[in-house]
Amino acid sequence: MYELVVFVHVASVLAFMLAHGVHVVAMWAFRGEPDPERALTFFNDLPNVTWVRILLFVAVGTGVLAGFMGSWWTSGWIWTSLAVLVAIWVAMWRYGGSFIGLVEEAATASIAARTEESANPGSQAAYDAARRSWQPIGMSVVGFGGLAVILWLMMFKPF
């Protein structure tokens, strides 16, 4: 039964990464999209965040269950893995989601300024500044680096 739980854990992590990867690709595409109208179309193609959250919940739940089944809760690596996961989640919640909102708001303002008779050139500059934010780079480093640390901890169980 333990092997089945670990299998579901790993499969749900992979499914989460696949579903969430679409958000990452869109985030990086924002950086290179000079047209705010086209940037807004990215939002139509993003998967529902509910599925991403459900997959994360299944991954965490099966990880906790596997921890009990394998008697890993006395080991430091599982607690460190959870701490790294919480740190990733806090960083993504604080900075990752705000980037998409920032770009969406700046793109909408830029489009609105284009349609007005007295177009505000500052709106396009604000959009350009928003899409060139550090957040996609930082969040990619946090996400990939954090998952690499968790994978290392799970595979090698150093303490």
N, C-alpha and C. Protein backbone atom coordinates (compact mmCIF):
# COMPACT_ATOMS: atom_id res chain seq x y z
N MET A 1 0.82 -1.20 0.00
CA MET A 1 0.00 0.00 0.00
C MET A 1 0.87 1.27 0.00
N TYR A 2 2.01 1.19 0.71
CA TYR A 2 2.92 2.33 0.78
C TYR A 2 3.38 2.73 -0.63
N GLU A 3 3.73 1.74 -1.45
CA GLU A 3 4.20 2.03 -2.80
C GLU A 3 3.11 2.72 -3.63
N LEU A 4 1.86 2.33 -3.44
CA LEU A 4 0.75 2.96 -4.15
C LEU A 4 0.61 4.43 -3.74
N VAL A 5 0.72 4.69 -2.45
CA VAL A 5 0.61 6.06 -1.96
C VAL A 5 1.75 6.92 -2.51
N VAL A 6 2.96 6.37 -2.51
CA VAL A 6 4.10 7.10 -3.07
C VAL A 6 3.90 7.33 -4.56
N PHE A 7 3.37 6.33 -5.26
CA PHE A 7 3.09 6.49 -6.69
C PHE A 7 2.10 7.63 -6.93
N VAL A 8 1.01 7.66 -6.18
CA VAL A 8 0.01 8.72 -6.33
C VAL A 8 0.64 10.07 -5.97
N HIS A 9 1.50 10.08 -4.96
CA HIS A 9 2.19 11.32 -4.57
C HIS A 9 3.03 11.85 -5.73
N VAL A 10 3.87 11.00 -6.29
CA VAL A 10 4.75 11.43 -7.39
C VAL A 10 3.92 11.79 -8.63
N ALA A 11 2.91 11.01 -8.93
CA ALA A 11 2.06 11.30 -10.10
C ALA A 11 1.32 12.62 -9.92
N SER A 12 0.84 12.91 -8.72
CA SER A 12 0.13 14.18 -8.50
C SER A 12 1.09 15.36 -8.55
N VAL A 13 2.32 15.17 -8.10
CA VAL A 13 3.32 16.24 -8.23
C VAL A 13 3.60 16.52 -9.71
N LEU A 14 3.76 15.47 -10.50
CA LEU A 14 4.00 15.66 -11.93
C LEU A 14 2.80 16.32 -12.61
N ALA A 15 1.59 15.90 -12.26
CA ALA A 15 0.38 16.52 -12.84
C ALA A 15 0.27 17.98 -12.41
N PHE A 16 0.60 18.27 -11.16
CA PHE A 16 0.61 19.66 -10.68
C PHE A 16 1.60 20.50 -11.48
N MET A 17 2.79 19.96 -11.68
CA MET A 17 3.81 20.71 -12.42
C MET A 17 3.38 20.93 -13.87
N LEU A 18 2.72 19.96 -14.46
CA LEU A 18 2.23 20.12 -15.83
C LEU A 18 1.16 21.20 -15.90
N ALA A 19 0.18 21.14 -15.00
CA ALA A 19 -0.91 22.13 -14.99
C ALA A 19 -0.39 23.52 -14.65
N HIS A 20 0.48 23.60 -13.68
CA HIS A 20 1.03 24.90 -13.27
C HIS A 20 2.05 25.42 -14.28
N GLY A 21 2.65 24.51 -15.02
CA GLY A 21 3.62 24.91 -16.05
C GLY A 21 3.02 25.83 -17.10
N VAL A 22 1.73 25.66 -17.37
CA VAL A 22 1.05 26.54 -18.33
C VAL A 22 1.08 27.98 -17.81
N HIS A 23 0.90 28.16 -16.52
CA HIS A 23 0.98 29.50 -15.93
C HIS A 23 2.38 30.08 -16.06
N VAL A 24 3.37 29.22 -15.88
CA VAL A 24 4.76 29.67 -15.98
C VAL A 24 5.07 30.10 -17.42
N VAL A 25 4.63 29.32 -18.38
CA VAL A 25 4.86 29.67 -19.79
C VAL A 25 4.17 30.99 -20.12
N ALA A 26 2.96 31.18 -19.64
CA ALA A 26 2.25 32.45 -19.89
C ALA A 26 2.99 33.60 -19.22
N MET A 27 3.50 33.39 -18.03
CA MET A 27 4.23 34.44 -17.32
C MET A 27 5.46 34.86 -18.12
N TRP A 28 6.18 33.90 -18.67
CA TRP A 28 7.34 34.23 -19.48
C TRP A 28 6.93 34.84 -20.82
N ALA A 29 5.80 34.42 -21.36
CA ALA A 29 5.32 35.00 -22.63
C ALA A 29 4.95 36.46 -22.44
N PHE A 30 4.42 36.82 -21.28
CA PHE A 30 4.10 38.23 -21.00
C PHE A 30 5.33 39.10 -21.17
N ARG A 31 6.46 38.61 -20.71
CA ARG A 31 7.69 39.42 -20.76
C ARG A 31 8.06 39.80 -22.19
N GLY A 32 7.76 38.95 -23.15
CA GLY A 32 8.16 39.22 -24.52
C GLY A 32 7.06 39.78 -25.41
N GLU A 33 5.88 40.01 -24.86
CA GLU A 33 4.75 40.46 -25.67
C GLU A 33 4.59 41.98 -25.60
N PRO A 34 4.95 42.68 -26.67
CA PRO A 34 4.84 44.14 -26.65
C PRO A 34 3.41 44.66 -26.79
N ASP A 35 2.51 43.84 -27.32
CA ASP A 35 1.14 44.29 -27.56
C ASP A 35 0.25 43.92 -26.37
N PRO A 36 -0.28 44.91 -25.65
CA PRO A 36 -1.11 44.61 -24.48
C PRO A 36 -2.38 43.84 -24.81
N GLU A 37 -2.96 44.06 -26.00
CA GLU A 37 -4.17 43.32 -26.37
C GLU A 37 -3.88 41.84 -26.52
N ARG A 38 -2.76 41.53 -27.13
CA ARG A 38 -2.38 40.12 -27.26
C ARG A 38 -2.06 39.50 -25.92
N ALA A 39 -1.44 40.29 -25.05
CA ALA A 39 -1.10 39.77 -23.72
C ALA A 39 -2.35 39.36 -22.97
N LEU A 40 -3.43 40.11 -23.11
CA LEU A 40 -4.67 39.77 -22.41
C LEU A 40 -5.27 38.47 -22.91
N THR A 41 -4.97 38.07 -24.14
CA THR A 41 -5.50 36.80 -24.65
C THR A 41 -4.88 35.61 -23.95
N PHE A 42 -3.71 35.79 -23.34
CA PHE A 42 -3.09 34.69 -22.59
C PHE A 42 -3.99 34.22 -21.46
N PHE A 43 -4.75 35.14 -20.88
CA PHE A 43 -5.60 34.79 -19.75
C PHE A 43 -6.69 33.79 -20.16
N ASN A 44 -7.08 33.81 -21.44
CA ASN A 44 -8.11 32.89 -21.91
C ASN A 44 -7.61 31.45 -21.96
N ASP A 45 -6.30 31.27 -22.08
CA ASP A 45 -5.74 29.94 -22.25
C ASP A 45 -5.22 29.31 -20.96
N LEU A 46 -5.25 30.05 -19.87
CA LEU A 46 -4.74 29.52 -18.61
C LEU A 46 -5.74 28.54 -18.01
N PRO A 47 -5.24 27.42 -17.49
CA PRO A 47 -6.17 26.46 -16.87
C PRO A 47 -6.74 27.03 -15.58
N ASN A 48 -7.85 26.47 -15.19
CA ASN A 48 -8.51 26.88 -13.96
C ASN A 48 -7.59 26.62 -12.77
N VAL A 49 -7.40 27.62 -11.95
CA VAL A 49 -6.50 27.50 -10.79
C VAL A 49 -7.01 26.46 -9.80
N THR A 50 -8.30 26.20 -9.81
CA THR A 50 -8.86 25.21 -8.89
C THR A 50 -8.21 23.85 -9.10
N TRP A 51 -8.01 23.45 -10.35
CA TRP A 51 -7.38 22.15 -10.62
C TRP A 51 -5.95 22.11 -10.13
N VAL A 52 -5.25 23.20 -10.30
CA VAL A 52 -3.87 23.28 -9.82
C VAL A 52 -3.84 23.12 -8.30
N ARG A 53 -4.75 23.77 -7.62
CA ARG A 53 -4.81 23.67 -6.16
C ARG A 53 -5.21 22.27 -5.70
N ILE A 54 -6.13 21.65 -6.41
CA ILE A 54 -6.54 20.28 -6.06
C ILE A 54 -5.36 19.33 -6.20
N LEU A 55 -4.62 19.46 -7.29
CA LEU A 55 -3.45 18.60 -7.50
C LEU A 55 -2.40 18.82 -6.42
N LEU A 56 -2.20 20.08 -6.02
CA LEU A 56 -1.25 20.36 -4.94
C LEU A 56 -1.73 19.75 -3.63
N PHE A 57 -3.03 19.85 -3.37
CA PHE A 57 -3.61 19.26 -2.16
C PHE A 57 -3.40 17.74 -2.15
N VAL A 58 -3.62 17.08 -3.29
CA VAL A 58 -3.43 15.63 -3.38
C VAL A 58 -1.95 15.29 -3.16
N ALA A 59 -1.05 16.08 -3.75
CA ALA A 59 0.38 15.83 -3.57
C ALA A 59 0.79 15.95 -2.11
N VAL A 60 0.34 17.01 -1.46
CA VAL A 60 0.68 17.20 -0.04
C VAL A 60 0.03 16.12 0.82
N GLY A 61 -1.23 15.83 0.55
CA GLY A 61 -1.94 14.81 1.34
C GLY A 61 -1.30 13.44 1.23
N THR A 62 -0.96 13.03 0.03
CA THR A 62 -0.33 11.72 -0.13
C THR A 62 1.10 11.72 0.41
N GLY A 63 1.77 12.87 0.36
CA GLY A 63 3.10 12.96 0.97
C GLY A 63 3.04 12.81 2.48
N VAL A 64 2.06 13.45 3.09
CA VAL A 64 1.87 13.33 4.54
C VAL A 64 1.51 11.88 4.90
N LEU A 65 0.60 11.29 4.13
CA LEU A 65 0.21 9.90 4.37
C LEU A 65 1.41 8.96 4.22
N ALA A 66 2.21 9.16 3.18
CA ALA A 66 3.41 8.33 2.99
C ALA A 66 4.39 8.54 4.14
N GLY A 67 4.45 9.76 4.67
CA GLY A 67 5.30 10.02 5.82
C GLY A 67 4.89 9.21 7.03
N PHE A 68 3.59 9.08 7.25
CA PHE A 68 3.10 8.24 8.36
C PHE A 68 3.32 6.76 8.08
N MET A 69 3.01 6.35 6.86
CA MET A 69 3.14 4.94 6.52
C MET A 69 4.60 4.47 6.56
N GLY A 70 5.52 5.36 6.21
CA GLY A 70 6.93 5.00 6.21
C GLY A 70 7.66 5.37 7.49
N SER A 71 6.92 5.88 8.45
CA SER A 71 7.51 6.32 9.73
C SER A 71 8.65 7.32 9.52
N TRP A 72 8.41 8.31 8.67
CA TRP A 72 9.44 9.30 8.34
C TRP A 72 9.37 10.55 9.22
N TRP A 73 8.36 10.68 10.05
CA TRP A 73 8.16 11.93 10.79
C TRP A 73 9.20 12.18 11.86
N THR A 74 10.02 11.19 12.16
CA THR A 74 11.12 11.41 13.11
C THR A 74 12.39 11.85 12.38
N SER A 75 12.34 11.88 11.05
CA SER A 75 13.49 12.30 10.25
C SER A 75 13.41 13.79 9.93
N GLY A 76 14.55 14.42 9.88
CA GLY A 76 14.59 15.85 9.61
C GLY A 76 14.30 16.21 8.17
N TRP A 77 14.57 15.30 7.24
CA TRP A 77 14.40 15.64 5.83
C TRP A 77 12.94 15.93 5.48
N ILE A 78 12.00 15.20 6.10
CA ILE A 78 10.59 15.41 5.74
C ILE A 78 10.10 16.76 6.26
N TRP A 79 10.56 17.15 7.46
CA TRP A 79 10.18 18.45 8.00
C TRP A 79 10.81 19.58 7.18
N THR A 80 12.04 19.37 6.75
CA THR A 80 12.71 20.37 5.91
C THR A 80 11.98 20.49 4.57
N SER A 81 11.56 19.36 4.01
CA SER A 81 10.80 19.38 2.76
C SER A 81 9.52 20.18 2.90
N LEU A 82 8.80 19.97 4.00
CA LEU A 82 7.57 20.73 4.24
C LEU A 82 7.87 22.21 4.41
N ALA A 83 8.95 22.54 5.11
CA ALA A 83 9.31 23.95 5.30
C ALA A 83 9.65 24.61 3.96
N VAL A 84 10.38 23.89 3.11
CA VAL A 84 10.71 24.42 1.78
C VAL A 84 9.44 24.60 0.96
N LEU A 85 8.53 23.63 1.02
CA LEU A 85 7.26 23.74 0.29
C LEU A 85 6.46 24.95 0.76
N VAL A 86 6.39 25.17 2.06
CA VAL A 86 5.66 26.33 2.59
C VAL A 86 6.34 27.63 2.13
N ALA A 87 7.66 27.66 2.14
CA ALA A 87 8.38 28.85 1.68
C ALA A 87 8.10 29.13 0.20
N ILE A 88 8.08 28.08 -0.61
CA ILE A 88 7.75 28.25 -2.04
C ILE A 88 6.33 28.78 -2.18
N TRP A 89 5.40 28.18 -1.45
CA TRP A 89 4.00 28.59 -1.54
C TRP A 89 3.84 30.06 -1.16
N VAL A 90 4.47 30.49 -0.06
CA VAL A 90 4.36 31.88 0.38
C VAL A 90 4.94 32.82 -0.69
N ALA A 91 6.10 32.48 -1.22
CA ALA A 91 6.72 33.32 -2.25
C ALA A 91 5.85 33.39 -3.50
N MET A 92 5.31 32.25 -3.92
CA MET A 92 4.46 32.23 -5.12
C MET A 92 3.18 33.02 -4.89
N TRP A 93 2.59 32.87 -3.73
CA TRP A 93 1.35 33.58 -3.41
C TRP A 93 1.61 35.08 -3.38
N ARG A 94 2.72 35.45 -2.77
CA ARG A 94 3.01 36.89 -2.59
C ARG A 94 3.46 37.55 -3.89
N TYR A 95 4.33 36.89 -4.63
CA TYR A 95 4.94 37.55 -5.79
C TYR A 95 4.48 36.99 -7.14
N GLY A 96 4.21 35.70 -7.22
CA GLY A 96 3.84 35.10 -8.50
C GLY A 96 2.49 35.55 -9.01
N GLY A 97 1.48 35.46 -8.17
CA GLY A 97 0.14 35.88 -8.58
C GLY A 97 0.03 37.36 -8.82
N SER A 98 0.79 38.13 -8.06
CA SER A 98 0.71 39.59 -8.24
C SER A 98 1.28 40.02 -9.58
N PHE A 99 2.20 39.24 -10.14
CA PHE A 99 2.76 39.60 -11.45
C PHE A 99 1.69 39.55 -12.52
N ILE A 100 0.91 38.48 -12.53
CA ILE A 100 -0.13 38.35 -13.56
C ILE A 100 -1.15 39.48 -13.40
N GLY A 101 -1.53 39.78 -12.17
CA GLY A 101 -2.44 40.90 -11.93
C GLY A 101 -1.85 42.22 -12.36
N LEU A 102 -0.56 42.42 -12.11
CA LEU A 102 0.13 43.65 -12.50
C LEU A 102 0.12 43.84 -14.02
N VAL A 103 0.45 42.78 -14.74
CA VAL A 103 0.47 42.85 -16.20
C VAL A 103 -0.93 43.04 -16.75
N GLU A 104 -1.91 42.33 -16.19
CA GLU A 104 -3.29 42.47 -16.67
C GLU A 104 -3.80 43.89 -16.47
N GLU A 105 -3.53 44.45 -15.32
CA GLU A 105 -3.97 45.82 -15.03
C GLU A 105 -3.29 46.83 -15.95
N ALA A 106 -1.99 46.69 -16.14
CA ALA A 106 -1.25 47.62 -17.01
C ALA A 106 -1.68 47.47 -18.47
N ALA A 107 -1.95 46.25 -18.91
CA ALA A 107 -2.40 46.02 -20.29
C ALA A 107 -3.77 46.63 -20.51
N THR A 108 -4.66 46.44 -19.56
CA THR A 108 -6.01 47.01 -19.67
C THR A 108 -5.95 48.54 -19.72
N ALA A 109 -5.12 49.13 -18.88
CA ALA A 109 -4.97 50.59 -18.88
C ALA A 109 -4.38 51.08 -20.18
N SER A 110 -3.43 50.36 -20.73
CA SER A 110 -2.80 50.75 -21.99
C SER A 110 -3.80 50.68 -23.14
N ILE A 111 -4.62 49.64 -23.17
CA ILE A 111 -5.64 49.51 -24.22
C ILE A 111 -6.67 50.62 -24.09
N ALA A 112 -7.09 50.92 -22.86
CA ALA A 112 -8.06 51.99 -22.64
C ALA A 112 -7.50 53.33 -23.08
N ALA A 113 -6.22 53.56 -22.82
CA ALA A 113 -5.59 54.83 -23.22
C ALA A 113 -5.51 54.95 -24.74
N ARG A 114 -5.34 53.84 -25.44
CA ARG A 114 -5.28 53.86 -26.91
C ARG A 114 -6.62 54.28 -27.51
N THR A 115 -7.70 53.85 -26.87
CA THR A 115 -9.02 54.12 -27.45
C THR A 115 -9.49 55.54 -27.17
N GLU A 116 -8.91 56.19 -26.18
CA GLU A 116 -9.27 57.58 -25.90
C GLU A 116 -8.63 58.48 -26.94
N GLU A 117 -9.26 59.63 -27.15
CA GLU A 117 -8.72 60.55 -28.16
C GLU A 117 -7.37 61.11 -27.74
N SER A 118 -7.19 61.37 -26.48
CA SER A 118 -5.90 61.87 -26.01
C SER A 118 -5.15 60.71 -25.38
N ALA A 119 -4.56 59.90 -26.23
CA ALA A 119 -3.85 58.71 -25.75
C ALA A 119 -2.71 59.09 -24.82
N ASN A 120 -2.63 58.37 -23.73
CA ASN A 120 -1.59 58.61 -22.73
C ASN A 120 -0.41 57.70 -23.03
N PRO A 121 0.71 58.27 -23.52
CA PRO A 121 1.86 57.42 -23.85
C PRO A 121 2.46 56.75 -22.61
N GLY A 122 2.17 57.27 -21.45
CA GLY A 122 2.67 56.67 -20.22
C GLY A 122 2.06 55.31 -19.93
N SER A 123 0.86 55.07 -20.49
CA SER A 123 0.21 53.78 -20.25
C SER A 123 0.98 52.63 -20.89
N GLN A 124 1.48 52.84 -22.11
CA GLN A 124 2.29 51.80 -22.75
C GLN A 124 3.60 51.61 -21.99
N ALA A 125 4.17 52.70 -21.50
CA ALA A 125 5.41 52.60 -20.72
C ALA A 125 5.17 51.83 -19.42
N ALA A 126 4.01 52.05 -18.79
CA ALA A 126 3.67 51.32 -17.57
C ALA A 126 3.50 49.83 -17.86
N TYR A 127 2.88 49.53 -19.01
CA TYR A 127 2.72 48.13 -19.40
C TYR A 127 4.09 47.49 -19.65
N ASP A 128 4.95 48.22 -20.37
CA ASP A 128 6.29 47.70 -20.65
C ASP A 128 7.07 47.45 -19.36
N ALA A 129 6.94 48.37 -18.40
CA ALA A 129 7.63 48.21 -17.12
C ALA A 129 7.07 47.00 -16.37
N ALA A 130 5.75 46.81 -16.42
CA ALA A 130 5.12 45.69 -15.72
C ALA A 130 5.58 44.36 -16.30
N ARG A 131 5.61 44.27 -17.62
CA ARG A 131 5.96 42.99 -18.23
C ARG A 131 7.44 42.67 -18.10
N ARG A 132 8.25 43.66 -17.84
CA ARG A 132 9.69 43.43 -17.66
C ARG A 132 10.09 43.28 -16.20
N SER A 133 9.12 43.08 -15.35
CA SER A 133 9.36 42.91 -13.92
C SER A 133 10.30 41.73 -13.66
N TRP A 134 10.95 41.74 -12.53
CA TRP A 134 11.85 40.67 -12.10
C TRP A 134 11.10 39.41 -11.70
N GLN A 135 9.80 39.51 -11.49
CA GLN A 135 9.05 38.42 -10.88
C GLN A 135 9.11 37.09 -11.64
N PRO A 136 9.00 37.06 -12.98
CA PRO A 136 9.10 35.75 -13.63
C PRO A 136 10.45 35.06 -13.39
N ILE A 137 11.50 35.83 -13.38
CA ILE A 137 12.83 35.26 -13.14
C ILE A 137 12.92 34.76 -11.70
N GLY A 138 12.54 35.62 -10.77
CA GLY A 138 12.61 35.23 -9.36
C GLY A 138 11.74 34.05 -9.02
N MET A 139 10.52 34.04 -9.54
CA MET A 139 9.61 32.94 -9.24
C MET A 139 10.08 31.64 -9.89
N SER A 140 10.68 31.73 -11.06
CA SER A 140 11.22 30.51 -11.69
C SER A 140 12.37 29.94 -10.88
N VAL A 141 13.23 30.80 -10.37
CA VAL A 141 14.34 30.34 -9.54
C VAL A 141 13.81 29.72 -8.24
N VAL A 142 12.85 30.40 -7.61
CA VAL A 142 12.28 29.88 -6.36
C VAL A 142 11.57 28.55 -6.61
N GLY A 143 10.75 28.48 -7.64
CA GLY A 143 9.99 27.25 -7.92
C GLY A 143 10.87 26.09 -8.31
N PHE A 144 11.74 26.30 -9.29
CA PHE A 144 12.59 25.21 -9.76
C PHE A 144 13.61 24.84 -8.70
N GLY A 145 14.24 25.83 -8.10
CA GLY A 145 15.24 25.56 -7.06
C GLY A 145 14.63 24.87 -5.85
N GLY A 146 13.46 25.34 -5.43
CA GLY A 146 12.80 24.73 -4.28
C GLY A 146 12.39 23.30 -4.55
N LEU A 147 11.85 23.04 -5.74
CA LEU A 147 11.48 21.66 -6.07
C LEU A 147 12.70 20.77 -6.18
N ALA A 148 13.81 21.31 -6.67
CA ALA A 148 15.05 20.53 -6.74
C ALA A 148 15.52 20.16 -5.33
N VAL A 149 15.42 21.09 -4.39
CA VAL A 149 15.81 20.80 -3.01
C VAL A 149 14.89 19.73 -2.41
N ILE A 150 13.59 19.86 -2.63
CA ILE A 150 12.65 18.86 -2.11
C ILE A 150 12.93 17.48 -2.72
N LEU A 151 13.17 17.44 -4.02
CA LEU A 151 13.48 16.17 -4.68
C LEU A 151 14.76 15.56 -4.10
N TRP A 152 15.77 16.38 -3.89
CA TRP A 152 17.03 15.90 -3.30
C TRP A 152 16.78 15.33 -1.90
N LEU A 153 16.01 16.05 -1.11
CA LEU A 153 15.70 15.58 0.25
C LEU A 153 14.95 14.25 0.22
N MET A 154 13.98 14.13 -0.69
CA MET A 154 13.19 12.90 -0.77
C MET A 154 14.02 11.71 -1.24
N MET A 155 14.90 11.96 -2.19
CA MET A 155 15.66 10.83 -2.75
C MET A 155 16.81 10.38 -1.84
N PHE A 156 17.51 11.34 -1.25
CA PHE A 156 18.73 10.99 -0.51
C PHE A 156 18.53 10.95 1.01
N LYS A 157 17.44 11.53 1.49
CA LYS A 157 17.12 11.51 2.93
C LYS A 157 18.37 11.72 3.78
N PRO A 158 19.00 12.91 3.66
CA PRO A 158 20.31 13.11 4.28
C PRO A 158 20.29 13.19 5.80
N PHE A 159 19.16 13.45 6.40
CA PHE A 159 19.10 13.53 7.87
C PHE A 159 17.70 13.20 8.34
